[in-house]
Amino acid sequence: MAAIANIRKEQHSQYYHEPIPVPKHGSPFAENGKEVKMFGKLLKELESSGFIPSDYKLTPGEWETGNYPIFESIPFGKKGNRQLEVPLPPHIWLTRAIQWVRCLVIMDSIIDSRQ
């Protein structure tokens, strides 16, 4: 039992460390709720229309081969000469990317309208 206690004591610092402070964050929208409602309304409109924003590599004309890239290569290693192939199944990632960009475009337009 003493050996187990010694191992636990030696490994304690590897698993139980001081917490890292979480960066401050907040909503990009005004606190009155008007912008949040506007965001939801605009998102529903874009979804129902099927609108896909351009210049985000989400449309066939923006893809190098004309087809959605099913893999993304991420360089790694000390010299960055090795490649990690990450699968991007379109039924998962293209749908998510379109949703993300729609939200980004709406958020940008709401924030720009304040100026």
PDB file of N, CA and C in Angstrom:
ATOM      1  N   MET A   1       0.809  -1.202   0.000  1.00  0.00           N
ATOM      2  CA  MET A   1       0.000   0.000   0.000  1.00  0.00           C
ATOM      3  C   MET A   1       0.849   1.262   0.000  1.00  0.00           C
ATOM      4  N   ALA A   2       1.993   1.225   0.648  1.00  0.00           N
ATOM      5  CA  ALA A   2       2.863   2.391   0.689  1.00  0.00           C
ATOM      6  C   ALA A   2       3.361   2.737  -0.708  1.00  0.00           C
ATOM      7  N   ALA A   3       3.598   1.705  -1.535  1.00  0.00           N
ATOM      8  CA  ALA A   3       4.082   1.934  -2.899  1.00  0.00           C
ATOM      9  C   ALA A   3       3.020   2.669  -3.720  1.00  0.00           C
ATOM     10  N   ILE A   4       1.764   2.289  -3.549  1.00  0.00           N
ATOM     11  CA  ILE A   4       0.664   2.941  -4.277  1.00  0.00           C
ATOM     12  C   ILE A   4       0.545   4.396  -3.841  1.00  0.00           C
ATOM     13  N   ALA A   5       0.661   4.635  -2.559  1.00  0.00           N
ATOM     14  CA  ALA A   5       0.587   6.003  -2.043  1.00  0.00           C
ATOM     15  C   ALA A   5       1.724   6.853  -2.593  1.00  0.00           C
ATOM     16  N   ASN A   6       2.919   6.273  -2.702  1.00  0.00           N
ATOM     17  CA  ASN A   6       4.069   7.006  -3.258  1.00  0.00           C
ATOM     18  C   ASN A   6       3.844   7.340  -4.735  1.00  0.00           C
ATOM     19  N   ILE A   7       3.307   6.407  -5.478  1.00  0.00           N
ATOM     20  CA  ILE A   7       3.030   6.637  -6.901  1.00  0.00           C
ATOM     21  C   ILE A   7       2.000   7.751  -7.055  1.00  0.00           C
ATOM     22  N   ARG A   8       0.937   7.684  -6.249  1.00  0.00           N
ATOM     23  CA  ARG A   8      -0.082   8.739  -6.295  1.00  0.00           C
ATOM     24  C   ARG A   8       0.531  10.107  -5.991  1.00  0.00           C
ATOM     25  N   LYS A   9       1.391  10.148  -4.993  1.00  0.00           N
ATOM     26  CA  LYS A   9       2.012  11.410  -4.593  1.00  0.00           C
ATOM     27  C   LYS A   9       2.899  11.952  -5.714  1.00  0.00           C
ATOM     28  N   GLU A  10       3.667  11.066  -6.368  1.00  0.00           N
ATOM     29  CA  GLU A  10       4.556  11.482  -7.453  1.00  0.00           C
ATOM     30  C   GLU A  10       3.762  11.978  -8.669  1.00  0.00           C
ATOM     31  N   GLN A  11       2.626  11.370  -8.953  1.00  0.00           N
ATOM     32  CA  GLN A  11       1.856  11.708 -10.139  1.00  0.00           C
ATOM     33  C   GLN A  11       0.832  12.818  -9.905  1.00  0.00           C
ATOM     34  N   HIS A  12       0.651  13.206  -8.660  1.00  0.00           N
ATOM     35  CA  HIS A  12      -0.364  14.190  -8.308  1.00  0.00           C
ATOM     36  C   HIS A  12      -0.234  15.472  -9.128  1.00  0.00           C
ATOM     37  N   SER A  13       0.969  15.981  -9.276  1.00  0.00           N
ATOM     38  CA  SER A  13       1.160  17.251  -9.995  1.00  0.00           C
ATOM     39  C   SER A  13       0.894  17.118 -11.488  1.00  0.00           C
ATOM     40  N   GLN A  14       0.948  15.913 -12.016  1.00  0.00           N
ATOM     41  CA  GLN A  14       0.689  15.710 -13.443  1.00  0.00           C
ATOM     42  C   GLN A  14      -0.807  15.760 -13.762  1.00  0.00           C
ATOM     43  N   TYR A  15      -1.631  15.474 -12.784  1.00  0.00           N
ATOM     44  CA  TYR A  15      -3.073  15.399 -13.024  1.00  0.00           C
ATOM     45  C   TYR A  15      -3.864  16.487 -12.309  1.00  0.00           C
ATOM     46  N   TYR A  16      -3.336  16.996 -11.240  1.00  0.00           N
ATOM     47  CA  TYR A  16      -4.032  18.009 -10.459  1.00  0.00           C
ATOM     48  C   TYR A  16      -3.189  19.279 -10.425  1.00  0.00           C
ATOM     49  N   HIS A  17      -3.471  20.160 -11.354  1.00  0.00           N
ATOM     50  CA  HIS A  17      -2.708  21.395 -11.435  1.00  0.00           C
ATOM     51  C   HIS A  17      -3.643  22.575 -11.200  1.00  0.00           C
ATOM     52  N   GLU A  18      -3.041  23.732 -11.050  1.00  0.00           N
ATOM     53  CA  GLU A  18      -3.825  24.947 -10.850  1.00  0.00           C
ATOM     54  C   GLU A  18      -4.690  25.194 -12.089  1.00  0.00           C
ATOM     55  N   PRO A  19      -5.933  25.600 -11.895  1.00  0.00           N
ATOM     56  CA  PRO A  19      -6.792  25.858 -13.050  1.00  0.00           C
ATOM     57  C   PRO A  19      -6.299  27.050 -13.859  1.00  0.00           C
ATOM     58  N   ILE A  20      -6.565  26.991 -15.156  1.00  0.00           N
ATOM     59  CA  ILE A  20      -6.199  28.069 -16.068  1.00  0.00           C
ATOM     60  C   ILE A  20      -7.367  29.038 -16.120  1.00  0.00           C
ATOM     61  N   PRO A  21      -7.122  30.333 -15.988  1.00  0.00           N
ATOM     62  CA  PRO A  21      -8.232  31.287 -16.007  1.00  0.00           C
ATOM     63  C   PRO A  21      -8.936  31.289 -17.365  1.00  0.00           C
ATOM     64  N   VAL A  22     -10.243  31.336 -17.335  1.00  0.00           N
ATOM     65  CA  VAL A  22     -11.054  31.355 -18.545  1.00  0.00           C
ATOM     66  C   VAL A  22     -11.116  32.788 -19.070  1.00  0.00           C
ATOM     67  N   PRO A  23     -10.872  32.978 -20.378  1.00  0.00           N
ATOM     68  CA  PRO A  23     -10.951  34.344 -20.914  1.00  0.00           C
ATOM     69  C   PRO A  23     -12.353  34.915 -20.763  1.00  0.00           C
ATOM     70  N   LYS A  24     -12.430  36.211 -20.583  1.00  0.00           N
ATOM     71  CA  LYS A  24     -13.730  36.877 -20.477  1.00  0.00           C
ATOM     72  C   LYS A  24     -14.401  36.849 -21.840  1.00  0.00           C
ATOM     73  N   HIS A  25     -15.700  36.668 -21.839  1.00  0.00           N
ATOM     74  CA  HIS A  25     -16.446  36.677 -23.083  1.00  0.00           C
ATOM     75  C   HIS A  25     -17.845  37.208 -22.812  1.00  0.00           C
ATOM     76  N   GLY A  26     -18.499  37.568 -23.848  1.00  0.00           N
ATOM     77  CA  GLY A  26     -19.855  38.073 -23.725  1.00  0.00           C
ATOM     78  C   GLY A  26     -20.552  38.028 -25.060  1.00  0.00           C
ATOM     79  N   SER A  27     -21.787  38.358 -25.065  1.00  0.00           N
ATOM     80  CA  SER A  27     -22.570  38.361 -26.294  1.00  0.00           C
ATOM     81  C   SER A  27     -22.180  39.558 -27.156  1.00  0.00           C
ATOM     82  N   PRO A  28     -22.089  39.361 -28.462  1.00  0.00           N
ATOM     83  CA  PRO A  28     -21.786  40.488 -29.343  1.00  0.00           C
ATOM     84  C   PRO A  28     -23.003  41.388 -29.578  1.00  0.00           C
ATOM     85  N   PHE A  29     -24.154  40.969 -29.078  1.00  0.00           N
ATOM     86  CA  PHE A  29     -25.391  41.702 -29.312  1.00  0.00           C
ATOM     87  C   PHE A  29     -25.729  42.616 -28.138  1.00  0.00           C
ATOM     88  N   ALA A  30     -26.532  43.636 -28.443  1.00  0.00           N
ATOM     89  CA  ALA A  30     -26.981  44.566 -27.404  1.00  0.00           C
ATOM     90  C   ALA A  30     -27.776  43.802 -26.349  1.00  0.00           C
ATOM     91  N   GLU A  31     -27.736  44.294 -25.142  1.00  0.00           N
ATOM     92  CA  GLU A  31     -28.365  43.592 -24.030  1.00  0.00           C
ATOM     93  C   GLU A  31     -29.886  43.712 -24.005  1.00  0.00           C
ATOM     94  N   ASN A  32     -30.462  44.538 -24.861  1.00  0.00           N
ATOM     95  CA  ASN A  32     -31.913  44.727 -24.822  1.00  0.00           C
ATOM     96  C   ASN A  32     -32.693  43.572 -25.465  1.00  0.00           C
ATOM     97  N   GLY A  33     -32.009  42.655 -26.130  1.00  0.00           N
ATOM     98  CA  GLY A  33     -32.667  41.493 -26.720  1.00  0.00           C
ATOM     99  C   GLY A  33     -33.171  41.726 -28.128  1.00  0.00           C
ATOM    100  N   LYS A  34     -33.224  42.967 -28.565  1.00  0.00           N
ATOM    101  CA  LYS A  34     -33.715  43.285 -29.905  1.00  0.00           C
ATOM    102  C   LYS A  34     -32.828  42.653 -30.984  1.00  0.00           C
ATOM    103  N   GLU A  35     -31.519  42.759 -30.809  1.00  0.00           N
ATOM    104  CA  GLU A  35     -30.596  42.192 -31.799  1.00  0.00           C
ATOM    105  C   GLU A  35     -30.647  40.670 -31.819  1.00  0.00           C
ATOM    106  N   VAL A  36     -30.845  40.055 -30.676  1.00  0.00           N
ATOM    107  CA  VAL A  36     -30.940  38.593 -30.620  1.00  0.00           C
ATOM    108  C   VAL A  36     -32.174  38.123 -31.388  1.00  0.00           C
ATOM    109  N   LYS A  37     -33.289  38.816 -31.215  1.00  0.00           N
ATOM    110  CA  LYS A  37     -34.509  38.477 -31.944  1.00  0.00           C
ATOM    111  C   LYS A  37     -34.313  38.676 -33.441  1.00  0.00           C
ATOM    112  N   MET A  38     -33.639  39.775 -33.816  1.00  0.00           N
ATOM    113  CA  MET A  38     -33.364  40.048 -35.215  1.00  0.00           C
ATOM    114  C   MET A  38     -32.478  38.947 -35.799  1.00  0.00           C
ATOM    115  N   PHE A  39     -31.481  38.522 -35.029  1.00  0.00           N
ATOM    116  CA  PHE A  39     -30.583  37.449 -35.464  1.00  0.00           C
ATOM    117  C   PHE A  39     -31.379  36.182 -35.766  1.00  0.00           C
ATOM    118  N   GLY A  40     -32.239  35.777 -34.844  1.00  0.00           N
ATOM    119  CA  GLY A  40     -33.043  34.572 -35.029  1.00  0.00           C
ATOM    120  C   GLY A  40     -33.947  34.657 -36.243  1.00  0.00           C
ATOM    121  N   LYS A  41     -34.576  35.806 -36.434  1.00  0.00           N
ATOM    122  CA  LYS A  41     -35.466  36.004 -37.573  1.00  0.00           C
ATOM    123  C   LYS A  41     -34.699  35.911 -38.893  1.00  0.00           C
ATOM    124  N   LEU A  42     -33.560  36.596 -38.963  1.00  0.00           N
ATOM    125  CA  LEU A  42     -32.759  36.577 -40.187  1.00  0.00           C
ATOM    126  C   LEU A  42     -32.193  35.190 -40.474  1.00  0.00           C
ATOM    127  N   LEU A  43     -31.808  34.470 -39.447  1.00  0.00           N
ATOM    128  CA  LEU A  43     -31.283  33.125 -39.646  1.00  0.00           C
ATOM    129  C   LEU A  43     -32.357  32.208 -40.223  1.00  0.00           C
ATOM    130  N   LYS A  44     -33.556  32.295 -39.696  1.00  0.00           N
ATOM    131  CA  LYS A  44     -34.659  31.485 -40.239  1.00  0.00           C
ATOM    132  C   LYS A  44     -34.912  31.816 -41.701  1.00  0.00           C
ATOM    133  N   GLU A  45     -34.846  33.105 -42.047  1.00  0.00           N
ATOM    134  CA  GLU A  45     -35.060  33.518 -43.433  1.00  0.00           C
ATOM    135  C   GLU A  45     -33.979  32.954 -44.360  1.00  0.00           C
ATOM    136  N   LEU A  46     -32.720  33.031 -43.929  1.00  0.00           N
ATOM    137  CA  LEU A  46     -31.638  32.504 -44.758  1.00  0.00           C
ATOM    138  C   LEU A  46     -31.729  30.991 -44.906  1.00  0.00           C
ATOM    139  N   GLU A  47     -32.089  30.313 -43.828  1.00  0.00           N
ATOM    140  CA  GLU A  47     -32.226  28.851 -43.888  1.00  0.00           C
ATOM    141  C   GLU A  47     -33.350  28.442 -44.829  1.00  0.00           C
ATOM    142  N   SER A  48     -34.485  29.109 -44.723  1.00  0.00           N
ATOM    143  CA  SER A  48     -35.631  28.728 -45.566  1.00  0.00           C
ATOM    144  C   SER A  48     -35.391  29.062 -47.035  1.00  0.00           C
ATOM    145  N   SER A  49     -34.588  30.096 -47.308  1.00  0.00           N
ATOM    146  CA  SER A  49     -34.304  30.455 -48.701  1.00  0.00           C
ATOM    147  C   SER A  49     -33.197  29.583 -49.304  1.00  0.00           C
ATOM    148  N   GLY A  50     -32.410  28.914 -48.457  1.00  0.00           N
ATOM    149  CA  GLY A  50     -31.293  28.105 -48.940  1.00  0.00           C
ATOM    150  C   GLY A  50     -30.077  28.937 -49.312  1.00  0.00           C
ATOM    151  N   PHE A  51     -30.062  30.200 -48.914  1.00  0.00           N
ATOM    152  CA  PHE A  51     -28.959  31.106 -49.248  1.00  0.00           C
ATOM    153  C   PHE A  51     -27.641  30.606 -48.669  1.00  0.00           C
ATOM    154  N   ILE A  52     -26.611  30.582 -49.534  1.00  0.00           N
ATOM    155  CA  ILE A  52     -25.254  30.232 -49.104  1.00  0.00           C
ATOM    156  C   ILE A  52     -24.361  31.421 -49.420  1.00  0.00           C
ATOM    157  N   PRO A  53     -23.788  32.064 -48.411  1.00  0.00           N
ATOM    158  CA  PRO A  53     -22.921  33.217 -48.647  1.00  0.00           C
ATOM    159  C   PRO A  53     -21.717  32.857 -49.527  1.00  0.00           C
ATOM    160  N   SER A  54     -21.319  33.788 -50.395  1.00  0.00           N
ATOM    161  CA  SER A  54     -20.154  33.552 -51.250  1.00  0.00           C
ATOM    162  C   SER A  54     -18.893  34.045 -50.550  1.00  0.00           C
ATOM    163  N   ASP A  55     -17.772  33.706 -51.137  1.00  0.00           N
ATOM    164  CA  ASP A  55     -16.439  34.089 -50.645  1.00  0.00           C
ATOM    165  C   ASP A  55     -16.036  33.370 -49.357  1.00  0.00           C
ATOM    166  N   TYR A  56     -16.661  32.242 -49.066  1.00  0.00           N
ATOM    167  CA  TYR A  56     -16.295  31.438 -47.894  1.00  0.00           C
ATOM    168  C   TYR A  56     -15.950  29.995 -48.281  1.00  0.00           C
ATOM    169  N   LYS A  57     -15.769  29.766 -49.588  1.00  0.00           N
ATOM    170  CA  LYS A  57     -15.449  28.435 -50.128  1.00  0.00           C
ATOM    171  C   LYS A  57     -16.525  27.406 -49.786  1.00  0.00           C
ATOM    172  N   LEU A  58     -17.785  27.825 -49.902  1.00  0.00           N
ATOM    173  CA  LEU A  58     -18.899  26.922 -49.621  1.00  0.00           C
ATOM    174  C   LEU A  58     -19.739  26.614 -50.856  1.00  0.00           C
ATOM    175  N   THR A  59     -19.379  27.198 -51.985  1.00  0.00           N
ATOM    176  CA  THR A  59     -20.136  26.957 -53.216  1.00  0.00           C
ATOM    177  C   THR A  59     -19.237  26.261 -54.232  1.00  0.00           C
ATOM    178  N   PRO A  60     -19.823  25.456 -55.135  1.00  0.00           N
ATOM    179  CA  PRO A  60     -19.009  24.711 -56.103  1.00  0.00           C
ATOM    180  C   PRO A  60     -18.035  25.580 -56.902  1.00  0.00           C
ATOM    181  N   GLY A  61     -18.407  26.795 -57.228  1.00  0.00           N
ATOM    182  CA  GLY A  61     -17.508  27.669 -57.977  1.00  0.00           C
ATOM    183  C   GLY A  61     -16.270  28.085 -57.197  1.00  0.00           C
ATOM    184  N   GLU A  62     -16.302  27.932 -55.902  1.00  0.00           N
ATOM    185  CA  GLU A  62     -15.173  28.323 -55.049  1.00  0.00           C
ATOM    186  C   GLU A  62     -14.270  27.142 -54.682  1.00  0.00           C
ATOM    187  N   TRP A  63     -14.652  25.928 -55.090  1.00  0.00           N
ATOM    188  CA  TRP A  63     -13.854  24.739 -54.781  1.00  0.00           C
ATOM    189  C   TRP A  63     -12.855  24.510 -55.899  1.00  0.00           C
ATOM    190  N   GLU A  64     -11.636  24.171 -55.562  1.00  0.00           N
ATOM    191  CA  GLU A  64     -10.569  24.002 -56.547  1.00  0.00           C
ATOM    192  C   GLU A  64     -10.941  23.001 -57.640  1.00  0.00           C
ATOM    193  N   THR A  65     -11.562  21.906 -57.267  1.00  0.00           N
ATOM    194  CA  THR A  65     -11.908  20.872 -58.242  1.00  0.00           C
ATOM    195  C   THR A  65     -13.365  20.948 -58.697  1.00  0.00           C
ATOM    196  N   GLY A  66     -14.113  21.886 -58.144  1.00  0.00           N
ATOM    197  CA  GLY A  66     -15.534  21.958 -58.450  1.00  0.00           C
ATOM    198  C   GLY A  66     -16.366  21.056 -57.546  1.00  0.00           C
ATOM    199  N   ASN A  67     -15.691  20.254 -56.721  1.00  0.00           N
ATOM    200  CA  ASN A  67     -16.358  19.357 -55.773  1.00  0.00           C
ATOM    201  C   ASN A  67     -15.931  19.713 -54.359  1.00  0.00           C
ATOM    202  N   TYR A  68     -16.851  19.474 -53.423  1.00  0.00           N
ATOM    203  CA  TYR A  68     -16.535  19.735 -52.024  1.00  0.00           C
ATOM    204  C   TYR A  68     -15.335  18.891 -51.609  1.00  0.00           C
ATOM    205  N   PRO A  69     -14.332  19.500 -50.971  1.00  0.00           N
ATOM    206  CA  PRO A  69     -13.150  18.738 -50.553  1.00  0.00           C
ATOM    207  C   PRO A  69     -13.505  17.786 -49.410  1.00  0.00           C
ATOM    208  N   ILE A  70     -13.293  16.496 -49.636  1.00  0.00           N
ATOM    209  CA  ILE A  70     -13.667  15.520 -48.608  1.00  0.00           C
ATOM    210  C   ILE A  70     -12.543  15.264 -47.611  1.00  0.00           C
ATOM    211  N   PHE A  71     -11.366  15.868 -47.850  1.00  0.00           N
ATOM    212  CA  PHE A  71     -10.241  15.786 -46.918  1.00  0.00           C
ATOM    213  C   PHE A  71      -9.583  17.153 -46.819  1.00  0.00           C
ATOM    214  N   GLU A  72      -9.027  17.436 -45.664  1.00  0.00           N
ATOM    215  CA  GLU A  72      -8.214  18.636 -45.472  1.00  0.00           C
ATOM    216  C   GLU A  72      -6.859  18.157 -44.976  1.00  0.00           C
ATOM    217  N   SER A  73      -5.800  18.658 -45.566  1.00  0.00           N
ATOM    218  CA  SER A  73      -4.448  18.288 -45.149  1.00  0.00           C
ATOM    219  C   SER A  73      -3.928  19.331 -44.177  1.00  0.00           C
ATOM    220  N   ILE A  74      -3.480  18.865 -43.035  1.00  0.00           N
ATOM    221  CA  ILE A  74      -2.916  19.751 -42.025  1.00  0.00           C
ATOM    222  C   ILE A  74      -1.439  19.398 -41.873  1.00  0.00           C
ATOM    223  N   PRO A  75      -0.554  20.364 -42.175  1.00  0.00           N
ATOM    224  CA  PRO A  75       0.878  20.082 -42.020  1.00  0.00           C
ATOM    225  C   PRO A  75       1.260  20.010 -40.541  1.00  0.00           C
ATOM    226  N   PHE A  76       2.179  19.119 -40.231  1.00  0.00           N
ATOM    227  CA  PHE A  76       2.670  19.021 -38.859  1.00  0.00           C
ATOM    228  C   PHE A  76       4.108  18.547 -38.876  1.00  0.00           C
ATOM    229  N   GLY A  77       4.704  18.485 -37.719  1.00  0.00           N
ATOM    230  CA  GLY A  77       6.105  18.105 -37.596  1.00  0.00           C
ATOM    231  C   GLY A  77       6.964  19.348 -37.447  1.00  0.00           C
ATOM    232  N   LYS A  78       8.204  19.162 -37.102  1.00  0.00           N
ATOM    233  CA  LYS A  78       9.101  20.290 -36.870  1.00  0.00           C
ATOM    234  C   LYS A  78       9.241  21.181 -38.095  1.00  0.00           C
ATOM    235  N   LYS A  79       9.284  20.595 -39.266  1.00  0.00           N
ATOM    236  CA  LYS A  79       9.438  21.377 -40.495  1.00  0.00           C
ATOM    237  C   LYS A  79       8.110  21.534 -41.242  1.00  0.00           C
ATOM    238  N   GLY A  80       7.058  20.940 -40.711  1.00  0.00           N
ATOM    239  CA  GLY A  80       5.753  21.038 -41.361  1.00  0.00           C
ATOM    240  C   GLY A  80       5.675  20.277 -42.662  1.00  0.00           C
ATOM    241  N   ASN A  81       6.563  19.292 -42.837  1.00  0.00           N
ATOM    242  CA  ASN A  81       6.578  18.554 -44.092  1.00  0.00           C
ATOM    243  C   ASN A  81       5.780  17.250 -44.043  1.00  0.00           C
ATOM    244  N   ARG A  82       5.189  16.948 -42.920  1.00  0.00           N
ATOM    245  CA  ARG A  82       4.310  15.787 -42.808  1.00  0.00           C
ATOM    246  C   ARG A  82       2.871  16.282 -42.875  1.00  0.00           C
ATOM    247  N   GLN A  83       1.965  15.447 -43.343  1.00  0.00           N
ATOM    248  CA  GLN A  83       0.580  15.845 -43.538  1.00  0.00           C
ATOM    249  C   GLN A  83      -0.357  14.913 -42.770  1.00  0.00           C
ATOM    250  N   LEU A  84      -1.328  15.506 -42.109  1.00  0.00           N
ATOM    251  CA  LEU A  84      -2.389  14.750 -41.463  1.00  0.00           C
ATOM    252  C   LEU A  84      -3.640  14.956 -42.307  1.00  0.00           C
ATOM    253  N   GLU A  85      -4.199  13.880 -42.834  1.00  0.00           N
ATOM    254  CA  GLU A  85      -5.399  13.956 -43.656  1.00  0.00           C
ATOM    255  C   GLU A  85      -6.626  13.836 -42.746  1.00  0.00           C
ATOM    256  N   VAL A  86      -7.432  14.883 -42.704  1.00  0.00           N
ATOM    257  CA  VAL A  86      -8.626  14.913 -41.871  1.00  0.00           C
ATOM    258  C   VAL A  86      -9.846  14.747 -42.777  1.00  0.00           C
ATOM    259  N   PRO A  87     -10.644  13.707 -42.557  1.00  0.00           N
ATOM    260  CA  PRO A  87     -11.836  13.524 -43.401  1.00  0.00           C
ATOM    261  C   PRO A  87     -12.904  14.575 -43.097  1.00  0.00           C
ATOM    262  N   LEU A  88     -13.546  15.073 -44.140  1.00  0.00           N
ATOM    263  CA  LEU A  88     -14.603  16.078 -44.009  1.00  0.00           C
ATOM    264  C   LEU A  88     -15.855  15.584 -44.746  1.00  0.00           C
ATOM    265  N   PRO A  89     -16.578  14.628 -44.186  1.00  0.00           N
ATOM    266  CA  PRO A  89     -17.769  14.145 -44.883  1.00  0.00           C
ATOM    267  C   PRO A  89     -18.748  15.295 -45.123  1.00  0.00           C
ATOM    268  N   PRO A  90     -19.143  15.523 -46.390  1.00  0.00           N
ATOM    269  CA  PRO A  90     -20.001  16.675 -46.706  1.00  0.00           C
ATOM    270  C   PRO A  90     -21.319  16.692 -45.945  1.00  0.00           C
ATOM    271  N   HIS A  91     -21.911  15.530 -45.716  1.00  0.00           N
ATOM    272  CA  HIS A  91     -23.207  15.508 -45.024  1.00  0.00           C
ATOM    273  C   HIS A  91     -23.097  16.011 -43.585  1.00  0.00           C
ATOM    274  N   ILE A  92     -21.887  16.065 -43.067  1.00  0.00           N
ATOM    275  CA  ILE A  92     -21.671  16.603 -41.726  1.00  0.00           C
ATOM    276  C   ILE A  92     -21.075  18.004 -41.812  1.00  0.00           C
ATOM    277  N   TRP A  93     -19.914  18.134 -42.443  1.00  0.00           N
ATOM    278  CA  TRP A  93     -19.136  19.369 -42.368  1.00  0.00           C
ATOM    279  C   TRP A  93     -19.630  20.480 -43.279  1.00  0.00           C
ATOM    280  N   LEU A  94     -20.105  20.163 -44.462  1.00  0.00           N
ATOM    281  CA  LEU A  94     -20.595  21.226 -45.343  1.00  0.00           C
ATOM    282  C   LEU A  94     -21.834  21.875 -44.731  1.00  0.00           C
ATOM    283  N   THR A  95     -22.720  21.057 -44.204  1.00  0.00           N
ATOM    284  CA  THR A  95     -23.925  21.572 -43.549  1.00  0.00           C
ATOM    285  C   THR A  95     -23.561  22.481 -42.379  1.00  0.00           C
ATOM    286  N   ARG A  96     -22.624  22.054 -41.561  1.00  0.00           N
ATOM    287  CA  ARG A  96     -22.199  22.857 -40.408  1.00  0.00           C
ATOM    288  C   ARG A  96     -21.514  24.146 -40.849  1.00  0.00           C
ATOM    289  N   ALA A  97     -20.681  24.060 -41.879  1.00  0.00           N
ATOM    290  CA  ALA A  97     -19.973  25.250 -42.355  1.00  0.00           C
ATOM    291  C   ALA A  97     -20.952  26.280 -42.897  1.00  0.00           C
ATOM    292  N   ILE A  98     -21.959  25.835 -43.636  1.00  0.00           N
ATOM    293  CA  ILE A  98     -22.967  26.757 -44.168  1.00  0.00           C
ATOM    294  C   ILE A  98     -23.707  27.432 -43.022  1.00  0.00           C
ATOM    295  N   GLN A  99     -24.102  26.675 -42.023  1.00  0.00           N
ATOM    296  CA  GLN A  99     -24.797  27.227 -40.862  1.00  0.00           C
ATOM    297  C   GLN A  99     -23.913  28.251 -40.144  1.00  0.00           C
ATOM    298  N   TRP A 100     -22.652  27.911 -39.937  1.00  0.00           N
ATOM    299  CA  TRP A 100     -21.714  28.799 -39.247  1.00  0.00           C
ATOM    300  C   TRP A 100     -21.563  30.113 -40.012  1.00  0.00           C
ATOM    301  N   VAL A 101     -21.390  30.030 -41.324  1.00  0.00           N
ATOM    302  CA  VAL A 101     -21.167  31.237 -42.123  1.00  0.00           C
ATOM    303  C   VAL A 101     -22.431  32.088 -42.193  1.00  0.00           C
ATOM    304  N   ARG A 102     -23.586  31.470 -42.274  1.00  0.00           N
ATOM    305  CA  ARG A 102     -24.833  32.246 -42.224  1.00  0.00           C
ATOM    306  C   ARG A 102     -24.890  33.058 -40.933  1.00  0.00           C
ATOM    307  N   CYS A 103     -24.573  32.413 -39.832  1.00  0.00           N
ATOM    308  CA  CYS A 103     -24.584  33.108 -38.536  1.00  0.00           C
ATOM    309  C   CYS A 103     -23.557  34.227 -38.507  1.00  0.00           C
ATOM    310  N   LEU A 104     -22.378  33.975 -39.049  1.00  0.00           N
ATOM    311  CA  LEU A 104     -21.324  34.982 -39.075  1.00  0.00           C
ATOM    312  C   LEU A 104     -21.745  36.198 -39.900  1.00  0.00           C
ATOM    313  N   VAL A 105     -22.329  35.954 -41.068  1.00  0.00           N
ATOM    314  CA  VAL A 105     -22.766  37.048 -41.940  1.00  0.00           C
ATOM    315  C   VAL A 105     -23.846  37.885 -41.255  1.00  0.00           C
ATOM    316  N   ILE A 106     -24.789  37.232 -40.606  1.00  0.00           N
ATOM    317  CA  ILE A 106     -25.860  37.956 -39.906  1.00  0.00           C
ATOM    318  C   ILE A 106     -25.279  38.771 -38.757  1.00  0.00           C
ATOM    319  N   MET A 107     -24.411  38.163 -37.964  1.00  0.00           N
ATOM    320  CA  MET A 107     -23.813  38.868 -36.830  1.00  0.00           C
ATOM    321  C   MET A 107     -23.040  40.089 -37.315  1.00  0.00           C
ATOM    322  N   ASP A 108     -22.241  39.910 -38.374  1.00  0.00           N
ATOM    323  CA  ASP A 108     -21.497  41.043 -38.915  1.00  0.00           C
ATOM    324  C   ASP A 108     -22.410  42.160 -39.376  1.00  0.00           C
ATOM    325  N   SER A 109     -23.505  41.812 -40.046  1.00  0.00           N
ATOM    326  CA  SER A 109     -24.406  42.855 -40.553  1.00  0.00           C
ATOM    327  C   SER A 109     -25.113  43.594 -39.407  1.00  0.00           C
ATOM    328  N   ILE A 110     -25.451  42.886 -38.341  1.00  0.00           N
ATOM    329  CA  ILE A 110     -26.081  43.539 -37.185  1.00  0.00           C
ATOM    330  C   ILE A 110     -25.085  44.488 -36.518  1.00  0.00           C
ATOM    331  N   ILE A 111     -23.862  44.029 -36.337  1.00  0.00           N
ATOM    332  CA  ILE A 111     -22.859  44.877 -35.700  1.00  0.00           C
ATOM    333  C   ILE A 111     -22.524  46.067 -36.593  1.00  0.00           C
ATOM    334  N   ASP A 112     -22.433  45.864 -37.908  1.00  0.00           N
ATOM    335  CA  ASP A 112     -22.143  46.967 -38.834  1.00  0.00           C
ATOM    336  C   ASP A 112     -23.272  47.988 -38.864  1.00  0.00           C
ATOM    337  N   SER A 113     -24.508  47.542 -38.641  1.00  0.00           N
ATOM    338  CA  SER A 113     -25.653  48.475 -38.691  1.00  0.00           C
ATOM    339  C   SER A 113     -25.650  49.456 -37.521  1.00  0.00           C
ATOM    340  N   ARG A 114     -24.874  49.188 -36.490  1.00  0.00           N
ATOM    341  CA  ARG A 114     -24.784  50.105 -35.346  1.00  0.00           C
ATOM    342  C   ARG A 114     -24.022  51.372 -35.704  1.00  0.00           C
ATOM    343  N   GLN A 115     -23.161  51.285 -36.688  1.00  0.00           N
ATOM    344  CA  GLN A 115     -22.269  52.410 -36.995  1.00  0.00           C
ATOM    345  C   GLN A 115     -22.890  53.412 -37.935  1.00  0.00           C
TER     346      GLN A 115
END
